[in-house]
Amino acid sequence: MKQSPDKLRKAAMALDNAIESKNIEEILTYFADDCEIELLRQRLFGKEGVKKWLDWLYKNFWQIKFQPIVIMVKGNTLFEEFIVRARLHSGIEIKSKQAEVVVYENDKIKSLRLYFDRLDFAESVTKDPISKATINRIIKKTLAGLID
């Protein structure tokens, strides 16, 4: 059954709010039992996968806020571009532009794919000079030919 675009937008905002408030039990209600989450070249399956993702998320981030930029809906698929503003347990703040593709089935998330640049986080958490130099070199190499 096709869901209305407005209903999917509201569901996405409710999930964002639950993640921001770290309400794990509520977050789990948004996902199908046989869902799939994909991020950082990893796939997680089912509610156990959702829990694993949330454990990872909250282990790394003390505070998370989402700022939507663009939300588009086609059929049962929602695409969102957004900014994450997060604070690590160390107090360091991170800003990361991200995107997600969410596929709904029977009012539940069947598939969630998150896309972001892990270097957004690496730059912020790296402390020693060798690691900082390595990250800066990687960034410089990936931009070679794109900018002068």
C-alpha atoms as a PDB file:
ATOM      1  CA  MET A   1       0.000   0.000   0.000  1.00  0.00           C
ATOM      2  CA  LYS A   2       1.400   3.359  -1.059  1.00  0.00           C
ATOM      3  CA  GLN A   3       1.823   5.887   1.723  1.00  0.00           C
ATOM      4  CA  SER A   4       1.275   9.598   1.282  1.00  0.00           C
ATOM      5  CA  PRO A   5       4.377  11.787   0.951  1.00  0.00           C
ATOM      6  CA  ASP A   6       3.236  13.842   3.946  1.00  0.00           C
ATOM      7  CA  LYS A   7       2.920  10.711   6.091  1.00  0.00           C
ATOM      8  CA  LEU A   8       6.450   9.598   5.157  1.00  0.00           C
ATOM      9  CA  ARG A   9       7.876  13.057   5.918  1.00  0.00           C
ATOM     10  CA  LYS A  10       6.204  13.012   9.332  1.00  0.00           C
ATOM     11  CA  ALA A  11       7.513   9.506  10.020  1.00  0.00           C
ATOM     12  CA  ALA A  12      11.051  10.616   9.101  1.00  0.00           C
ATOM     13  CA  MET A  13      10.817  13.637  11.409  1.00  0.00           C
ATOM     14  CA  ALA A  14       9.487  11.461  14.239  1.00  0.00           C
ATOM     15  CA  LEU A  15      12.439   9.084  13.782  1.00  0.00           C
ATOM     16  CA  ASP A  16      14.875  12.032  13.824  1.00  0.00           C
ATOM     17  CA  ASN A  17      13.300  13.305  17.051  1.00  0.00           C
ATOM     18  CA  ALA A  18      13.512   9.859  18.665  1.00  0.00           C
ATOM     19  CA  ILE A  19      17.196   9.560  17.681  1.00  0.00           C
ATOM     20  CA  GLU A  20      17.945  13.034  19.055  1.00  0.00           C
ATOM     21  CA  SER A  21      16.265  12.125  22.362  1.00  0.00           C
ATOM     22  CA  LYS A  22      17.952   8.677  22.427  1.00  0.00           C
ATOM     23  CA  ASN A  23      14.611   6.917  22.786  1.00  0.00           C
ATOM     24  CA  ILE A  24      15.733   3.455  21.677  1.00  0.00           C
ATOM     25  CA  GLU A  25      12.415   1.733  22.326  1.00  0.00           C
ATOM     26  CA  GLU A  26      10.570   4.270  20.186  1.00  0.00           C
ATOM     27  CA  ILE A  27      13.212   4.100  17.445  1.00  0.00           C
ATOM     28  CA  LEU A  28      12.784   0.315  17.212  1.00  0.00           C
ATOM     29  CA  THR A  29       9.048   0.719  16.563  1.00  0.00           C
ATOM     30  CA  TYR A  30       9.786   2.518  13.280  1.00  0.00           C
ATOM     31  CA  PHE A  31      11.632  -0.468  11.783  1.00  0.00           C
ATOM     32  CA  ALA A  32      10.314  -3.695  10.275  1.00  0.00           C
ATOM     33  CA  ASP A  33      11.493  -6.914  11.917  1.00  0.00           C
ATOM     34  CA  ASP A  34      13.369  -7.846   8.733  1.00  0.00           C
ATOM     35  CA  CYS A  35      14.810  -4.404   7.985  1.00  0.00           C
ATOM     36  CA  GLU A  36      18.251  -3.622   6.646  1.00  0.00           C
ATOM     37  CA  ILE A  37      20.537  -0.697   7.495  1.00  0.00           C
ATOM     38  CA  GLU A  38      23.533   0.156   5.350  1.00  0.00           C
ATOM     39  CA  LEU A  39      26.287   2.580   6.353  1.00  0.00           C
ATOM     40  CA  LEU A  40      30.065   2.758   6.110  1.00  0.00           C
ATOM     41  CA  ARG A  41      30.075  -0.240   3.739  1.00  0.00           C
ATOM     42  CA  GLN A  42      28.393  -2.349   6.414  1.00  0.00           C
ATOM     43  CA  ARG A  43      24.987  -3.999   6.400  1.00  0.00           C
ATOM     44  CA  LEU A  44      23.013  -4.619   9.553  1.00  0.00           C
ATOM     45  CA  PHE A  45      19.871  -6.749   9.617  1.00  0.00           C
ATOM     46  CA  GLY A  46      16.687  -6.796  11.661  1.00  0.00           C
ATOM     47  CA  LYS A  47      15.987  -5.172  15.011  1.00  0.00           C
ATOM     48  CA  GLU A  48      19.318  -6.511  16.305  1.00  0.00           C
ATOM     49  CA  GLY A  49      20.993  -4.580  13.505  1.00  0.00           C
ATOM     50  CA  VAL A  50      19.090  -1.437  14.490  1.00  0.00           C
ATOM     51  CA  LYS A  51      20.260  -1.895  18.096  1.00  0.00           C
ATOM     52  CA  LYS A  52      23.838  -2.401  16.931  1.00  0.00           C
ATOM     53  CA  TRP A  53      23.660   0.817  14.864  1.00  0.00           C
ATOM     54  CA  LEU A  54      22.227   2.751  17.814  1.00  0.00           C
ATOM     55  CA  ASP A  55      24.838   1.359  20.215  1.00  0.00           C
ATOM     56  CA  TRP A  56      27.553   2.526  17.793  1.00  0.00           C
ATOM     57  CA  LEU A  57      25.871   5.913  17.326  1.00  0.00           C
ATOM     58  CA  TYR A  58      25.437   6.680  21.022  1.00  0.00           C
ATOM     59  CA  LYS A  59      28.828   5.260  21.943  1.00  0.00           C
ATOM     60  CA  ASN A  60      30.399   7.852  19.642  1.00  0.00           C
ATOM     61  CA  PHE A  61      28.028  10.803  20.032  1.00  0.00           C
ATOM     62  CA  TRP A  62      26.780  12.350  23.222  1.00  0.00           C
ATOM     63  CA  GLN A  63      24.411  14.742  21.469  1.00  0.00           C
ATOM     64  CA  ILE A  64      22.920  14.697  17.960  1.00  0.00           C
ATOM     65  CA  LYS A  65      20.784  17.255  16.104  1.00  0.00           C
ATOM     66  CA  PHE A  66      19.432  16.922  12.579  1.00  0.00           C
ATOM     67  CA  GLN A  67      18.819  19.852  10.253  1.00  0.00           C
ATOM     68  CA  PRO A  68      16.855  18.851   7.128  1.00  0.00           C
ATOM     69  CA  ILE A  69      17.869  20.466   3.838  1.00  0.00           C
ATOM     70  CA  VAL A  70      15.859  18.586   1.196  1.00  0.00           C
ATOM     71  CA  ILE A  71      13.243  15.880   1.610  1.00  0.00           C
ATOM     72  CA  MET A  72      11.792  14.141  -1.454  1.00  0.00           C
ATOM     73  CA  VAL A  73       9.309  11.308  -1.599  1.00  0.00           C
ATOM     74  CA  LYS A  74       8.482   9.011  -4.480  1.00  0.00           C
ATOM     75  CA  GLY A  75       6.175   6.102  -3.804  1.00  0.00           C
ATOM     76  CA  ASN A  76       7.336   4.422  -0.595  1.00  0.00           C
ATOM     77  CA  THR A  77      10.852   5.850  -0.812  1.00  0.00           C
ATOM     78  CA  LEU A  78      12.053   8.939   1.023  1.00  0.00           C
ATOM     79  CA  PHE A  79      15.304  10.740   0.200  1.00  0.00           C
ATOM     80  CA  GLU A  80      16.667  13.301   2.640  1.00  0.00           C
ATOM     81  CA  GLU A  81      19.710  15.517   2.555  1.00  0.00           C
ATOM     82  CA  PHE A  82      20.509  16.895   5.996  1.00  0.00           C
ATOM     83  CA  ILE A  83      23.154  18.269   8.296  1.00  0.00           C
ATOM     84  CA  VAL A  84      24.147  16.413  11.445  1.00  0.00           C
ATOM     85  CA  ARG A  85      25.507  18.482  14.287  1.00  0.00           C
ATOM     86  CA  ALA A  86      26.947  16.145  16.860  1.00  0.00           C
ATOM     87  CA  ARG A  87      28.940  16.436  20.033  1.00  0.00           C
ATOM     88  CA  LEU A  88      31.373  13.715  20.969  1.00  0.00           C
ATOM     89  CA  HIS A  89      31.739  12.586  24.557  1.00  0.00           C
ATOM     90  CA  SER A  90      35.032  14.522  24.587  1.00  0.00           C
ATOM     91  CA  GLY A  91      33.080  17.729  23.890  1.00  0.00           C
ATOM     92  CA  ILE A  92      34.294  18.093  20.299  1.00  0.00           C
ATOM     93  CA  GLU A  93      31.578  19.296  17.915  1.00  0.00           C
ATOM     94  CA  ILE A  94      31.176  17.847  14.444  1.00  0.00           C
ATOM     95  CA  LYS A  95      29.152  19.065  11.489  1.00  0.00           C
ATOM     96  CA  SER A  96      28.513  16.579   8.684  1.00  0.00           C
ATOM     97  CA  LYS A  97      26.383  16.882   5.550  1.00  0.00           C
ATOM     98  CA  GLN A  98      24.667  13.555   4.944  1.00  0.00           C
ATOM     99  CA  ALA A  99      21.976  11.846   2.895  1.00  0.00           C
ATOM    100  CA  GLU A 100      19.664   8.936   3.485  1.00  0.00           C
ATOM    101  CA  VAL A 101      17.369   6.764   1.422  1.00  0.00           C
ATOM    102  CA  VAL A 102      14.547   5.194   3.393  1.00  0.00           C
ATOM    103  CA  VAL A 103      12.208   2.570   1.936  1.00  0.00           C
ATOM    104  CA  TYR A 104       8.967   1.975   3.806  1.00  0.00           C
ATOM    105  CA  GLU A 105       6.824  -1.137   3.726  1.00  0.00           C
ATOM    106  CA  ASN A 106       3.583  -1.446   5.715  1.00  0.00           C
ATOM    107  CA  ASP A 107       4.316   1.770   7.665  1.00  0.00           C
ATOM    108  CA  LYS A 108       7.743   0.481   8.803  1.00  0.00           C
ATOM    109  CA  ILE A 109      11.262   1.109   7.585  1.00  0.00           C
ATOM    110  CA  LYS A 110      12.326  -1.818   5.415  1.00  0.00           C
ATOM    111  CA  SER A 111      15.619  -0.291   4.261  1.00  0.00           C
ATOM    112  CA  LEU A 112      17.738   2.616   5.525  1.00  0.00           C
ATOM    113  CA  ARG A 113      20.867   3.616   3.617  1.00  0.00           C
ATOM    114  CA  LEU A 114      23.025   6.381   5.099  1.00  0.00           C
ATOM    115  CA  TYR A 115      25.686   8.229   3.120  1.00  0.00           C
ATOM    116  CA  PHE A 116      28.325  10.476   4.648  1.00  0.00           C
ATOM    117  CA  ASP A 117      32.004  11.290   4.496  1.00  0.00           C
ATOM    118  CA  ARG A 118      33.765   9.572   7.367  1.00  0.00           C
ATOM    119  CA  LEU A 119      36.552  12.161   7.029  1.00  0.00           C
ATOM    120  CA  ASP A 120      34.129  14.670   8.592  1.00  0.00           C
ATOM    121  CA  PHE A 121      34.617  12.713  11.793  1.00  0.00           C
ATOM    122  CA  ALA A 122      38.263  11.761  11.360  1.00  0.00           C
ATOM    123  CA  GLU A 123      39.358  15.387  11.132  1.00  0.00           C
ATOM    124  CA  SER A 124      37.563  16.224  14.365  1.00  0.00           C
ATOM    125  CA  VAL A 125      38.752  13.343  16.504  1.00  0.00           C
ATOM    126  CA  THR A 126      42.362  13.101  15.386  1.00  0.00           C
ATOM    127  CA  LYS A 127      44.768  14.513  17.936  1.00  0.00           C
ATOM    128  CA  ASP A 128      48.314  13.371  17.181  1.00  0.00           C
ATOM    129  CA  PRO A 129      50.346  15.156  14.470  1.00  0.00           C
ATOM    130  CA  ILE A 130      51.056  12.016  12.408  1.00  0.00           C
ATOM    131  CA  SER A 131      47.379  11.096  12.136  1.00  0.00           C
ATOM    132  CA  LYS A 132      46.419  14.705  11.342  1.00  0.00           C
ATOM    133  CA  ALA A 133      49.073  14.836   8.598  1.00  0.00           C
ATOM    134  CA  THR A 134      47.824  11.529   7.167  1.00  0.00           C
ATOM    135  CA  ILE A 135      44.215  12.708   7.055  1.00  0.00           C
ATOM    136  CA  ASN A 136      45.211  16.036   5.499  1.00  0.00           C
ATOM    137  CA  ARG A 137      47.223  14.163   2.850  1.00  0.00           C
ATOM    138  CA  ILE A 138      44.245  11.934   2.031  1.00  0.00           C
ATOM    139  CA  ILE A 139      41.983  14.969   1.715  1.00  0.00           C
ATOM    140  CA  LYS A 140      44.512  16.759  -0.502  1.00  0.00           C
ATOM    141  CA  LYS A 141      44.946  13.687  -2.748  1.00  0.00           C
ATOM    142  CA  THR A 142      41.173  13.222  -3.171  1.00  0.00           C
ATOM    143  CA  LEU A 143      40.836  16.844  -4.273  1.00  0.00           C
ATOM    144  CA  ALA A 144      43.799  16.748  -6.706  1.00  0.00           C
ATOM    145  CA  GLY A 145      42.648  17.945 -10.126  1.00  0.00           C
ATOM    146  CA  LEU A 146      39.340  19.211  -8.744  1.00  0.00           C
ATOM    147  CA  ILE A 147      40.699  22.369  -7.149  1.00  0.00           C
ATOM    148  CA  ASP A 148      43.942  24.272  -7.654  1.00  0.00           C
END
